[in-house]
Amino acid sequence: MSFLEIKGLRKSYGELEVLRGIDLAVEQHQVICLIGASGCGKSTLLRCVNALEPIDEGQIRLDGDVVSGEGTDVDRLRRDVGIVFQSFNLFPHMSVLDNVTLAPRRIHRLSREQAQAQALELLERVGLSGKAAAYPDQLSGGQQQRVAIVRALAMNPRVLLLDEITSALDPELVAEVLGIVRDLAAAGQTMLLATHEMSFAREVADTVCFLHEGVILEQGPPEQILGAPTEPRTQAFLRRIIEAGRL
């Protein structure tokens, strides 16, 4: 049994079926990249794994335990599975330090001193130790996204979900955020991420999954999926990416 297992996952919004039977296995310390055109279901899949969206059919297991459907302990799940979004979603009225320490204090019941010590260590890792007292509107977009990643890491998640975390950033800020993800991958953080950054996916992913119309049409090592895909839809998608200069 894999560390994170998704079987037969279906999700609809009214008559629109967004996920049409997703099967995916993620081993511990693996990095899985989800690629595909906008609207293919990448973000919905991540939101279902984090229980931000209820699933219609199928099952999600984490380390052998069912973490989907009725009776799911959502609070416990979100202690184990962190998520970072396209938009930073930082609390604007709170300092960087308070943004990062809020959940560990409320959910893990850490003391203020423990939470702050952990937060400062994480901020140091991403080069933001000098911004602990700053507020979100005093930071660049790249700095805000790094704080959002730190906020997720402060919960010590067993799995980290990253949903197009560079799509809202100016091009010059993308590299600084991807550098953090690269370091996390090297440190063994289990990650499932949706991305349009194909060169980055080629570099950090253990497996790349191409989603099309709510199904995983093709998956495999980056060199296979990005270099020699077999499915015509994958080939067409990558042609467009190459033409846009993004691979």
C-alpha atoms as a PDB file:
ATOM      1  CA  MET A   1       0.000   0.000   0.000  1.00  0.00           C
ATOM      2  CA  SER A   2       1.308   3.444  -0.950  1.00  0.00           C
ATOM      3  CA  PHE A   3       1.715   6.289   1.536  1.00  0.00           C
ATOM      4  CA  LEU A   4      -1.003   8.372  -0.159  1.00  0.00           C
ATOM      5  CA  GLU A   5      -3.506   6.422  -2.252  1.00  0.00           C
ATOM      6  CA  ILE A   6      -6.285   7.893  -4.366  1.00  0.00           C
ATOM      7  CA  LYS A   7      -8.677   5.381  -5.918  1.00  0.00           C
ATOM      8  CA  GLY A   8     -11.632   5.957  -8.241  1.00  0.00           C
ATOM      9  CA  LEU A   9     -11.945   9.625  -7.253  1.00  0.00           C
ATOM     10  CA  ARG A  10     -14.880  11.421  -8.859  1.00  0.00           C
ATOM     11  CA  LYS A  11     -16.014  14.988  -8.319  1.00  0.00           C
ATOM     12  CA  SER A  12     -18.784  16.942 -10.022  1.00  0.00           C
ATOM     13  CA  TYR A  13     -20.171  20.439  -9.768  1.00  0.00           C
ATOM     14  CA  GLY A  14     -23.776  20.071 -10.838  1.00  0.00           C
ATOM     15  CA  GLU A  15     -23.723  18.388 -14.238  1.00  0.00           C
ATOM     16  CA  LEU A  16     -20.034  19.184 -14.801  1.00  0.00           C
ATOM     17  CA  GLU A  17     -17.879  16.179 -13.923  1.00  0.00           C
ATOM     18  CA  VAL A  18     -14.445  17.620 -13.123  1.00  0.00           C
ATOM     19  CA  LEU A  19     -12.704  14.448 -11.923  1.00  0.00           C
ATOM     20  CA  ARG A  20     -13.701  11.238 -13.664  1.00  0.00           C
ATOM     21  CA  GLY A  21     -12.043   8.400 -11.805  1.00  0.00           C
ATOM     22  CA  ILE A  22      -8.602   9.431 -10.585  1.00  0.00           C
ATOM     23  CA  ASP A  23      -6.208   6.687  -9.444  1.00  0.00           C
ATOM     24  CA  LEU A  24      -2.895   7.888  -8.033  1.00  0.00           C
ATOM     25  CA  ALA A  25      -0.309   6.453  -5.656  1.00  0.00           C
ATOM     26  CA  VAL A  26       2.260   8.630  -3.903  1.00  0.00           C
ATOM     27  CA  GLU A  27       5.101   7.065  -1.950  1.00  0.00           C
ATOM     28  CA  GLN A  28       6.692   8.749   1.068  1.00  0.00           C
ATOM     29  CA  HIS A  29       9.331  11.329   0.081  1.00  0.00           C
ATOM     30  CA  GLN A  30       8.126  11.346  -3.528  1.00  0.00           C
ATOM     31  CA  VAL A  31       7.425  14.487  -5.546  1.00  0.00           C
ATOM     32  CA  ILE A  32       4.512  14.129  -7.974  1.00  0.00           C
ATOM     33  CA  CYS A  33       3.862  16.923 -10.488  1.00  0.00           C
ATOM     34  CA  LEU A  34       0.413  17.360 -12.028  1.00  0.00           C
ATOM     35  CA  ILE A  35       0.425  19.032 -15.423  1.00  0.00           C
ATOM     36  CA  GLY A  36      -2.280  19.832 -17.949  1.00  0.00           C
ATOM     37  CA  ALA A  37      -4.315  22.663 -19.396  1.00  0.00           C
ATOM     38  CA  SER A  38      -6.362  24.965 -17.172  1.00  0.00           C
ATOM     39  CA  GLY A  39      -9.638  23.282 -16.238  1.00  0.00           C
ATOM     40  CA  CYS A  40      -8.278  19.727 -16.440  1.00  0.00           C
ATOM     41  CA  GLY A  41      -8.891  19.096 -12.717  1.00  0.00           C
ATOM     42  CA  LYS A  42      -5.470  19.639 -11.107  1.00  0.00           C
ATOM     43  CA  SER A  43      -6.598  22.151  -8.476  1.00  0.00           C
ATOM     44  CA  THR A  44      -9.807  20.251  -7.750  1.00  0.00           C
ATOM     45  CA  LEU A  45      -7.803  17.093  -7.120  1.00  0.00           C
ATOM     46  CA  LEU A  46      -5.581  18.861  -4.592  1.00  0.00           C
ATOM     47  CA  ARG A  47      -8.593  20.424  -2.875  1.00  0.00           C
ATOM     48  CA  CYS A  48     -10.233  16.999  -2.582  1.00  0.00           C
ATOM     49  CA  VAL A  49      -7.105  15.507  -0.995  1.00  0.00           C
ATOM     50  CA  ASN A  50      -7.159  18.291   1.622  1.00  0.00           C
ATOM     51  CA  ALA A  51     -10.944  17.875   2.141  1.00  0.00           C
ATOM     52  CA  LEU A  52     -11.628  21.417   0.961  1.00  0.00           C
ATOM     53  CA  GLU A  53     -14.003  19.770  -1.498  1.00  0.00           C
ATOM     54  CA  PRO A  54     -16.124  16.715  -0.669  1.00  0.00           C
ATOM     55  CA  ILE A  55     -15.681  13.838  -3.096  1.00  0.00           C
ATOM     56  CA  ASP A  56     -18.592  12.126  -4.847  1.00  0.00           C
ATOM     57  CA  GLU A  57     -17.056   8.683  -5.284  1.00  0.00           C
ATOM     58  CA  GLY A  58     -13.808   6.910  -4.538  1.00  0.00           C
ATOM     59  CA  GLN A  59     -11.482   6.830  -1.584  1.00  0.00           C
ATOM     60  CA  ILE A  60      -8.365   8.571  -0.312  1.00  0.00           C
ATOM     61  CA  ARG A  61      -6.013   6.836   2.129  1.00  0.00           C
ATOM     62  CA  LEU A  62      -3.047   8.284   3.988  1.00  0.00           C
ATOM     63  CA  ASP A  63      -0.626   5.813   5.508  1.00  0.00           C
ATOM     64  CA  GLY A  64      -3.353   3.166   5.408  1.00  0.00           C
ATOM     65  CA  ASP A  65      -6.086   5.265   7.032  1.00  0.00           C
ATOM     66  CA  VAL A  66      -9.160   6.370   5.089  1.00  0.00           C
ATOM     67  CA  VAL A  67      -9.215  10.179   5.027  1.00  0.00           C
ATOM     68  CA  SER A  68     -12.231  10.789   2.793  1.00  0.00           C
ATOM     69  CA  GLY A  69     -15.988  10.460   3.048  1.00  0.00           C
ATOM     70  CA  GLU A  70     -18.309  10.652   6.016  1.00  0.00           C
ATOM     71  CA  GLY A  71     -16.699  10.584   9.419  1.00  0.00           C
ATOM     72  CA  THR A  72     -13.390  12.015   8.255  1.00  0.00           C
ATOM     73  CA  ASP A  73     -11.597  13.949  10.981  1.00  0.00           C
ATOM     74  CA  VAL A  74     -10.887  17.008   8.842  1.00  0.00           C
ATOM     75  CA  ASP A  75      -8.822  18.767  11.514  1.00  0.00           C
ATOM     76  CA  ARG A  76      -6.575  15.737  11.892  1.00  0.00           C
ATOM     77  CA  LEU A  77      -6.277  15.385   8.120  1.00  0.00           C
ATOM     78  CA  ARG A  78      -5.175  18.987   7.735  1.00  0.00           C
ATOM     79  CA  ARG A  79      -2.536  18.518  10.404  1.00  0.00           C
ATOM     80  CA  ASP A  80      -1.058  15.826   8.156  1.00  0.00           C
ATOM     81  CA  VAL A  81      -1.763  17.369   4.746  1.00  0.00           C
ATOM     82  CA  GLY A  82      -0.801  21.012   4.191  1.00  0.00           C
ATOM     83  CA  ILE A  83      -1.767  23.079   1.171  1.00  0.00           C
ATOM     84  CA  VAL A  84      -0.397  26.268  -0.402  1.00  0.00           C
ATOM     85  CA  PHE A  85      -2.527  28.139  -2.925  1.00  0.00           C
ATOM     86  CA  GLN A  86      -1.972  30.373  -5.953  1.00  0.00           C
ATOM     87  CA  SER A  87      -3.051  33.368  -3.899  1.00  0.00           C
ATOM     88  CA  PHE A  88      -1.081  33.774  -0.711  1.00  0.00           C
ATOM     89  CA  ASN A  89      -4.086  33.972   1.647  1.00  0.00           C
ATOM     90  CA  LEU A  90      -2.069  35.557   4.445  1.00  0.00           C
ATOM     91  CA  PHE A  91      -3.967  37.416   7.147  1.00  0.00           C
ATOM     92  CA  PRO A  92      -3.304  41.075   6.247  1.00  0.00           C
ATOM     93  CA  HIS A  93      -3.789  42.373   9.798  1.00  0.00           C
ATOM     94  CA  MET A  94      -1.219  39.982  11.269  1.00  0.00           C
ATOM     95  CA  SER A  95       2.581  40.087  11.135  1.00  0.00           C
ATOM     96  CA  VAL A  96       4.553  37.394   9.340  1.00  0.00           C
ATOM     97  CA  LEU A  97       5.410  35.793  12.689  1.00  0.00           C
ATOM     98  CA  ASP A  98       1.782  35.757  13.802  1.00  0.00           C
ATOM     99  CA  ASN A  99       0.641  34.317  10.460  1.00  0.00           C
ATOM    100  CA  VAL A 100       3.092  31.449  10.831  1.00  0.00           C
ATOM    101  CA  THR A 101       2.504  30.723  14.537  1.00  0.00           C
ATOM    102  CA  LEU A 102      -1.302  30.921  14.621  1.00  0.00           C
ATOM    103  CA  ALA A 103      -2.100  27.345  13.558  1.00  0.00           C
ATOM    104  CA  PRO A 104       0.645  25.595  15.570  1.00  0.00           C
ATOM    105  CA  ARG A 105      -0.550  27.412  18.688  1.00  0.00           C
ATOM    106  CA  ARG A 106      -4.253  26.807  18.075  1.00  0.00           C
ATOM    107  CA  ILE A 107      -4.115  23.259  16.702  1.00  0.00           C
ATOM    108  CA  HIS A 108      -0.879  21.736  18.028  1.00  0.00           C
ATOM    109  CA  ARG A 109      -1.213  23.683  21.303  1.00  0.00           C
ATOM    110  CA  LEU A 110       2.373  24.877  21.170  1.00  0.00           C
ATOM    111  CA  SER A 111       3.302  27.619  23.576  1.00  0.00           C
ATOM    112  CA  ARG A 112       3.957  31.056  22.109  1.00  0.00           C
ATOM    113  CA  GLU A 113       7.671  30.568  22.746  1.00  0.00           C
ATOM    114  CA  GLN A 114       7.770  27.150  21.062  1.00  0.00           C
ATOM    115  CA  ALA A 115       5.764  28.339  18.062  1.00  0.00           C
ATOM    116  CA  GLN A 116       7.883  31.440  17.614  1.00  0.00           C
ATOM    117  CA  ALA A 117      11.159  29.511  17.865  1.00  0.00           C
ATOM    118  CA  GLN A 118       9.956  27.075  15.198  1.00  0.00           C
ATOM    119  CA  ALA A 119       8.659  29.900  12.991  1.00  0.00           C
ATOM    120  CA  LEU A 120      11.908  31.843  13.174  1.00  0.00           C
ATOM    121  CA  GLU A 121      13.880  28.738  12.250  1.00  0.00           C
ATOM    122  CA  LEU A 122      11.663  28.144   9.216  1.00  0.00           C
ATOM    123  CA  LEU A 123      11.807  31.792   8.172  1.00  0.00           C
ATOM    124  CA  GLU A 124      15.596  31.605   8.403  1.00  0.00           C
ATOM    125  CA  ARG A 125      15.541  28.614   6.039  1.00  0.00           C
ATOM    126  CA  VAL A 126      13.721  30.642   3.375  1.00  0.00           C
ATOM    127  CA  GLY A 127      15.727  33.818   3.868  1.00  0.00           C
ATOM    128  CA  LEU A 128      13.019  35.805   5.640  1.00  0.00           C
ATOM    129  CA  SER A 129      14.185  35.927   9.251  1.00  0.00           C
ATOM    130  CA  GLY A 130      14.446  39.700   8.979  1.00  0.00           C
ATOM    131  CA  LYS A 131      10.772  40.002   7.970  1.00  0.00           C
ATOM    132  CA  ALA A 132       9.179  38.381  11.029  1.00  0.00           C
ATOM    133  CA  ALA A 133       7.678  41.675  12.246  1.00  0.00           C
ATOM    134  CA  ALA A 134       6.583  42.837   8.781  1.00  0.00           C
ATOM    135  CA  TYR A 135       3.004  42.738   7.512  1.00  0.00           C
ATOM    136  CA  PRO A 136       1.999  41.080   4.225  1.00  0.00           C
ATOM    137  CA  ASP A 137       1.503  44.378   2.371  1.00  0.00           C
ATOM    138  CA  GLN A 138       5.134  45.245   3.154  1.00  0.00           C
ATOM    139  CA  LEU A 139       6.391  42.161   1.284  1.00  0.00           C
ATOM    140  CA  SER A 140       6.877  41.351  -2.384  1.00  0.00           C
ATOM    141  CA  GLY A 141       4.734  38.649  -3.951  1.00  0.00           C
ATOM    142  CA  GLY A 142       7.603  36.199  -3.816  1.00  0.00           C
ATOM    143  CA  GLN A 143       8.176  36.931  -0.148  1.00  0.00           C
ATOM    144  CA  GLN A 144       4.476  36.497   0.618  1.00  0.00           C
ATOM    145  CA  GLN A 145       4.427  33.133  -1.146  1.00  0.00           C
ATOM    146  CA  ARG A 146       7.497  32.016   0.809  1.00  0.00           C
ATOM    147  CA  VAL A 147       5.682  32.968   4.026  1.00  0.00           C
ATOM    148  CA  ALA A 148       2.655  30.951   2.855  1.00  0.00           C
ATOM    149  CA  ILE A 149       4.911  27.927   2.347  1.00  0.00           C
ATOM    150  CA  VAL A 150       6.462  28.421   5.786  1.00  0.00           C
ATOM    151  CA  ARG A 151       2.997  28.675   7.325  1.00  0.00           C
ATOM    152  CA  ALA A 152       2.136  25.268   5.850  1.00  0.00           C
ATOM    153  CA  LEU A 153       5.467  23.769   6.955  1.00  0.00           C
ATOM    154  CA  ALA A 154       4.952  25.022  10.510  1.00  0.00           C
ATOM    155  CA  MET A 155       2.314  22.312  10.912  1.00  0.00           C
ATOM    156  CA  ASN A 156       4.922  19.641  10.079  1.00  0.00           C
ATOM    157  CA  PRO A 157       2.758  18.127   7.336  1.00  0.00           C
ATOM    158  CA  ARG A 158       3.383  14.592   6.164  1.00  0.00           C
ATOM    159  CA  VAL A 159       2.222  15.627   2.687  1.00  0.00           C
ATOM    160  CA  LEU A 160       2.461  19.097   1.162  1.00  0.00           C
ATOM    161  CA  LEU A 161       0.096  20.115  -1.654  1.00  0.00           C
ATOM    162  CA  LEU A 162       1.153  23.038  -3.856  1.00  0.00           C
ATOM    163  CA  ASP A 163      -1.434  24.511  -6.201  1.00  0.00           C
ATOM    164  CA  GLU A 164       0.163  26.569  -8.993  1.00  0.00           C
ATOM    165  CA  ILE A 165       2.088  28.522  -6.380  1.00  0.00           C
ATOM    166  CA  THR A 166       4.003  30.623  -8.917  1.00  0.00           C
ATOM    167  CA  SER A 167       1.122  31.542 -11.234  1.00  0.00           C
ATOM    168  CA  ALA A 168       0.350  34.822  -9.433  1.00  0.00           C
ATOM    169  CA  LEU A 169       3.991  35.934  -9.354  1.00  0.00           C
ATOM    170  CA  ASP A 170       5.961  38.182 -11.662  1.00  0.00           C
ATOM    171  CA  PRO A 171       8.531  36.152 -13.642  1.00  0.00           C
ATOM    172  CA  GLU A 172      11.493  37.490 -11.671  1.00  0.00           C
ATOM    173  CA  LEU A 173       9.931  36.238  -8.416  1.00  0.00           C
ATOM    174  CA  VAL A 174       9.224  32.700  -9.641  1.00  0.00           C
ATOM    175  CA  ALA A 175      12.795  31.474  -9.170  1.00  0.00           C
ATOM    176  CA  GLU A 176      12.955  32.399  -5.478  1.00  0.00           C
ATOM    177  CA  VAL A 177       9.795  30.428  -4.691  1.00  0.00           C
ATOM    178  CA  LEU A 178      10.793  27.421  -6.794  1.00  0.00           C
ATOM    179  CA  GLY A 179      14.125  27.420  -4.979  1.00  0.00           C
ATOM    180  CA  ILE A 180      12.288  26.758  -1.711  1.00  0.00           C
ATOM    181  CA  VAL A 181      10.356  23.869  -3.252  1.00  0.00           C
ATOM    182  CA  ARG A 182      13.596  22.476  -4.684  1.00  0.00           C
ATOM    183  CA  ASP A 183      15.119  22.506  -1.192  1.00  0.00           C
ATOM    184  CA  LEU A 184      12.053  20.780   0.270  1.00  0.00           C
ATOM    185  CA  ALA A 185      12.255  18.060  -2.368  1.00  0.00           C
ATOM    186  CA  ALA A 186      15.939  17.524  -1.583  1.00  0.00           C
ATOM    187  CA  ALA A 187      15.069  17.238   2.115  1.00  0.00           C
ATOM    188  CA  GLY A 188      12.561  14.451   1.420  1.00  0.00           C
ATOM    189  CA  GLN A 189       9.251  16.305   1.821  1.00  0.00           C
ATOM    190  CA  THR A 190       6.417  14.339   0.234  1.00  0.00           C
ATOM    191  CA  MET A 191       4.755  16.687  -2.255  1.00  0.00           C
ATOM    192  CA  LEU A 192       1.938  16.678  -4.757  1.00  0.00           C
ATOM    193  CA  LEU A 193       2.020  19.819  -6.861  1.00  0.00           C
ATOM    194  CA  ALA A 194       0.172  21.302  -9.793  1.00  0.00           C
ATOM    195  CA  THR A 195       2.408  23.402 -11.981  1.00  0.00           C
ATOM    196  CA  HIS A 196       2.829  25.043 -15.374  1.00  0.00           C
ATOM    197  CA  GLU A 197       6.604  25.238 -14.841  1.00  0.00           C
ATOM    198  CA  MET A 198       7.627  22.303 -17.026  1.00  0.00           C
ATOM    199  CA  SER A 199      11.386  22.752 -16.661  1.00  0.00           C
ATOM    200  CA  PHE A 200      10.941  22.715 -12.896  1.00  0.00           C
ATOM    201  CA  ALA A 201       8.774  19.591 -13.080  1.00  0.00           C
ATOM    202  CA  ARG A 202      11.489  17.903 -15.135  1.00  0.00           C
ATOM    203  CA  GLU A 203      14.041  18.779 -12.451  1.00  0.00           C
ATOM    204  CA  VAL A 204      12.260  17.901  -9.183  1.00  0.00           C
ATOM    205  CA  ALA A 205       9.519  15.374  -9.969  1.00  0.00           C
ATOM    206  CA  ASP A 206       9.802  11.656  -9.438  1.00  0.00           C
ATOM    207  CA  THR A 207       6.612  11.227 -11.463  1.00  0.00           C
ATOM    208  CA  VAL A 208       4.747  13.564 -13.813  1.00  0.00           C
ATOM    209  CA  CYS A 209       1.009  13.056 -14.353  1.00  0.00           C
ATOM    210  CA  PHE A 210      -0.738  14.605 -17.354  1.00  0.00           C
ATOM    211  CA  LEU A 211      -4.392  15.348 -16.636  1.00  0.00           C
ATOM    212  CA  HIS A 212      -6.920  15.795 -19.425  1.00  0.00           C
ATOM    213  CA  GLU A 213     -10.653  16.279 -18.925  1.00  0.00           C
ATOM    214  CA  GLY A 214     -10.616  14.934 -15.399  1.00  0.00           C
ATOM    215  CA  VAL A 215      -8.522  11.804 -15.854  1.00  0.00           C
ATOM    216  CA  ILE A 216      -4.813  11.028 -15.593  1.00  0.00           C
ATOM    217  CA  LEU A 217      -4.184  10.306 -19.250  1.00  0.00           C
ATOM    218  CA  GLU A 218      -0.485   9.503 -18.902  1.00  0.00           C
ATOM    219  CA  GLN A 219       2.049   9.284 -16.095  1.00  0.00           C
ATOM    220  CA  GLY A 220       5.668   8.309 -15.682  1.00  0.00           C
ATOM    221  CA  PRO A 221       9.170   9.657 -15.086  1.00  0.00           C
ATOM    222  CA  PRO A 222       9.725  13.276 -16.199  1.00  0.00           C
ATOM    223  CA  GLU A 223      12.048  12.313 -19.035  1.00  0.00           C
ATOM    224  CA  GLN A 224       9.359  10.044 -20.471  1.00  0.00           C
ATOM    225  CA  ILE A 225       6.308  12.282 -20.080  1.00  0.00           C
ATOM    226  CA  LEU A 226       8.035  15.558 -20.964  1.00  0.00           C
ATOM    227  CA  GLY A 227      10.485  14.115 -23.469  1.00  0.00           C
ATOM    228  CA  ALA A 228       8.707  11.268 -25.221  1.00  0.00           C
ATOM    229  CA  PRO A 229       4.991  11.168 -24.361  1.00  0.00           C
ATOM    230  CA  THR A 230       2.910   8.498 -26.073  1.00  0.00           C
ATOM    231  CA  GLU A 231      -0.575  10.020 -25.815  1.00  0.00           C
ATOM    232  CA  PRO A 232      -1.531  12.440 -28.634  1.00  0.00           C
ATOM    233  CA  ARG A 233      -3.184  14.798 -26.133  1.00  0.00           C
ATOM    234  CA  THR A 234       0.014  14.964 -24.071  1.00  0.00           C
ATOM    235  CA  GLN A 235       2.041  15.584 -27.219  1.00  0.00           C
ATOM    236  CA  ALA A 236      -0.281  18.422 -28.287  1.00  0.00           C
ATOM    237  CA  PHE A 237      -0.158  20.027 -24.834  1.00  0.00           C
ATOM    238  CA  LEU A 238       3.631  19.942 -24.721  1.00  0.00           C
ATOM    239  CA  ARG A 239       3.871  21.367 -28.247  1.00  0.00           C
ATOM    240  CA  ARG A 240       1.924  24.392 -27.054  1.00  0.00           C
ATOM    241  CA  ILE A 241       4.191  24.684 -23.999  1.00  0.00           C
ATOM    242  CA  ILE A 242       7.304  24.533 -26.189  1.00  0.00           C
ATOM    243  CA  GLU A 243       5.879  27.130 -28.575  1.00  0.00           C
ATOM    244  CA  ALA A 244       5.283  29.405 -25.597  1.00  0.00           C
ATOM    245  CA  GLY A 245       8.932  28.957 -24.546  1.00  0.00           C
ATOM    246  CA  ARG A 246       8.101  27.251 -21.252  1.00  0.00           C
ATOM    247  CA  LEU A 247       9.938  23.961 -21.741  1.00  0.00           C
END
